[in-house]
Amino acid sequence: MIRSRRKHLKSFKILGENIRNIRNDKKISQEELAFRVSSAKNYIGCIERGEKFPSISIVLDIANALNVQIKDLFENI
């Protein structure tokens, strides 16, 4: 069970890194992304650091806001 939890935590960290990298590549601030997904800037920061685990709904909103396919956010997981 501990191994499974670690795997999930690592997956969320990679998801967050992917979101941050795509956001930075598109020159979008955390504040702008938060506005686009009707969320708080600090929540986006927590997702990008792997501290918060977003719902699939939020992940879909983020993909749409970044104009990428959802699979792009899950690359290397």
C-alpha atoms as a PDB file:
ATOM      1  CA  MET A   1       0.000   0.000   0.000  1.00  0.00           C
ATOM      2  CA  ILE A   2       2.837   2.429   0.775  1.00  0.00           C
ATOM      3  CA  ARG A   3       4.437   1.715  -2.594  1.00  0.00           C
ATOM      4  CA  SER A   4       1.140   2.432  -4.354  1.00  0.00           C
ATOM      5  CA  ARG A   5       0.766   5.740  -2.487  1.00  0.00           C
ATOM      6  CA  ARG A   6       4.308   6.768  -3.421  1.00  0.00           C
ATOM      7  CA  LYS A   7       3.597   5.934  -7.056  1.00  0.00           C
ATOM      8  CA  HIS A   8       0.474   8.116  -7.010  1.00  0.00           C
ATOM      9  CA  LEU A   9       2.316  10.983  -5.326  1.00  0.00           C
ATOM     10  CA  LYS A  10       5.040  10.782  -7.961  1.00  0.00           C
ATOM     11  CA  SER A  11       2.399  10.780 -10.713  1.00  0.00           C
ATOM     12  CA  PHE A  12       0.797  13.942  -9.338  1.00  0.00           C
ATOM     13  CA  LYS A  13       4.215  15.585  -9.107  1.00  0.00           C
ATOM     14  CA  ILE A  14       4.896  14.768 -12.779  1.00  0.00           C
ATOM     15  CA  LEU A  15       1.422  16.016 -13.737  1.00  0.00           C
ATOM     16  CA  GLY A  16       2.174  19.296 -11.977  1.00  0.00           C
ATOM     17  CA  GLU A  17       5.554  19.605 -13.659  1.00  0.00           C
ATOM     18  CA  ASN A  18       3.959  18.988 -17.045  1.00  0.00           C
ATOM     19  CA  ILE A  19       1.350  21.666 -16.387  1.00  0.00           C
ATOM     20  CA  ARG A  20       4.054  24.136 -15.299  1.00  0.00           C
ATOM     21  CA  ASN A  21       6.256  23.383 -18.302  1.00  0.00           C
ATOM     22  CA  ILE A  22       3.433  23.764 -20.805  1.00  0.00           C
ATOM     23  CA  ARG A  23       2.203  26.918 -19.070  1.00  0.00           C
ATOM     24  CA  ASN A  24       5.690  28.427 -19.135  1.00  0.00           C
ATOM     25  CA  ASP A  25       6.236  27.426 -22.775  1.00  0.00           C
ATOM     26  CA  LYS A  26       3.041  29.270 -23.640  1.00  0.00           C
ATOM     27  CA  LYS A  27       4.117  32.252 -21.511  1.00  0.00           C
ATOM     28  CA  ILE A  28       1.004  32.090 -19.347  1.00  0.00           C
ATOM     29  CA  SER A  29       1.251  33.149 -15.714  1.00  0.00           C
ATOM     30  CA  GLN A  30      -0.208  31.115 -12.864  1.00  0.00           C
ATOM     31  CA  GLU A  31      -2.585  33.985 -12.302  1.00  0.00           C
ATOM     32  CA  GLU A  32      -3.806  33.877 -15.920  1.00  0.00           C
ATOM     33  CA  LEU A  33      -4.210  30.103 -15.839  1.00  0.00           C
ATOM     34  CA  ALA A  34      -6.143  30.358 -12.584  1.00  0.00           C
ATOM     35  CA  PHE A  35      -8.423  32.960 -14.161  1.00  0.00           C
ATOM     36  CA  ARG A  36      -9.002  30.744 -17.202  1.00  0.00           C
ATOM     37  CA  VAL A  37     -10.031  27.767 -15.048  1.00  0.00           C
ATOM     38  CA  SER A  38     -11.924  29.835 -12.443  1.00  0.00           C
ATOM     39  CA  SER A  39      -9.553  28.818  -9.685  1.00  0.00           C
ATOM     40  CA  ALA A  40      -7.189  30.464  -7.216  1.00  0.00           C
ATOM     41  CA  LYS A  41      -3.592  31.219  -8.181  1.00  0.00           C
ATOM     42  CA  ASN A  42      -2.256  29.468  -5.078  1.00  0.00           C
ATOM     43  CA  TYR A  43      -4.249  26.338  -5.986  1.00  0.00           C
ATOM     44  CA  ILE A  44      -2.558  26.230  -9.405  1.00  0.00           C
ATOM     45  CA  GLY A  45       0.804  26.583  -7.660  1.00  0.00           C
ATOM     46  CA  CYS A  46      -0.035  23.684  -5.329  1.00  0.00           C
ATOM     47  CA  ILE A  47      -1.024  21.512  -8.293  1.00  0.00           C
ATOM     48  CA  GLU A  48       2.207  22.369 -10.116  1.00  0.00           C
ATOM     49  CA  ARG A  49       4.249  21.423  -7.028  1.00  0.00           C
ATOM     50  CA  GLY A  50       2.341  18.166  -6.603  1.00  0.00           C
ATOM     51  CA  GLU A  51       0.901  19.265  -3.255  1.00  0.00           C
ATOM     52  CA  LYS A  52      -2.760  19.162  -4.323  1.00  0.00           C
ATOM     53  CA  PHE A  53      -4.476  16.470  -6.324  1.00  0.00           C
ATOM     54  CA  PRO A  54      -6.857  18.019  -8.859  1.00  0.00           C
ATOM     55  CA  SER A  55     -10.084  16.400  -9.947  1.00  0.00           C
ATOM     56  CA  ILE A  56     -10.349  15.172 -13.510  1.00  0.00           C
ATOM     57  CA  SER A  57     -12.682  18.109 -14.119  1.00  0.00           C
ATOM     58  CA  ILE A  58      -9.952  20.594 -13.153  1.00  0.00           C
ATOM     59  CA  VAL A  59      -7.385  18.713 -15.250  1.00  0.00           C
ATOM     60  CA  LEU A  60      -9.734  18.945 -18.244  1.00  0.00           C
ATOM     61  CA  ASP A  61     -10.219  22.668 -17.605  1.00  0.00           C
ATOM     62  CA  ILE A  62      -6.446  23.166 -17.401  1.00  0.00           C
ATOM     63  CA  ALA A  63      -5.900  21.263 -20.665  1.00  0.00           C
ATOM     64  CA  ASN A  64      -8.536  23.415 -22.365  1.00  0.00           C
ATOM     65  CA  ALA A  65      -7.092  26.617 -20.904  1.00  0.00           C
ATOM     66  CA  LEU A  66      -3.622  25.672 -22.159  1.00  0.00           C
ATOM     67  CA  ASN A  67      -5.053  24.570 -25.513  1.00  0.00           C
ATOM     68  CA  VAL A  68      -3.524  21.081 -25.288  1.00  0.00           C
ATOM     69  CA  GLN A  69      -4.901  17.571 -25.239  1.00  0.00           C
ATOM     70  CA  ILE A  70      -5.351  16.051 -21.802  1.00  0.00           C
ATOM     71  CA  LYS A  71      -2.874  13.306 -22.729  1.00  0.00           C
ATOM     72  CA  ASP A  72      -0.176  15.985 -22.990  1.00  0.00           C
ATOM     73  CA  LEU A  73      -0.568  16.710 -19.283  1.00  0.00           C
ATOM     74  CA  PHE A  74      -0.031  13.041 -18.428  1.00  0.00           C
ATOM     75  CA  GLU A  75       3.107  12.526 -20.517  1.00  0.00           C
ATOM     76  CA  ASN A  76       5.825  10.458 -18.787  1.00  0.00           C
ATOM     77  CA  ILE A  77       3.515   9.170 -16.061  1.00  0.00           C
END
